[in-house]
């Protein structure tokens, strides 16, 4: 499986912006659809955004649509999550995940579809 390491989390005020990055290694990155998930204290891990192998298709949770943008750079083996207009309810540990697929347009919002996970990075949005 691909190894994933997130970075870029931190503390930001409501209305602010933050950018997360996930670096992949160990496997051919372009063989993986990628996703960002998040988990707030006491809650289940939930889907935020996903992107297909070549970036041609993206998917967003309704709660982040219009505020978050997922992108990838297969030459640099990275996937990013740009977050703007952050809200206190966006506070969570954010996880990068990879799902190996043969389909160039495949994306998934299901946690169970992703076999590779990073260790997570904390995002805290103060009110």
Foldseek 3Di string as FASTA:
>chain_A
DKAKAKDWADEAAAQAKTKMKIAIDDDQLLQWKKFKWWDDPPGDIFGAKIAFSVRPDMDGDPVQPPFWDWDDDSVRRMIMIIGGNDDQVVWTWMKMFIAGDPDRGDIDGDPVRTDYIYPTDTHGYHD
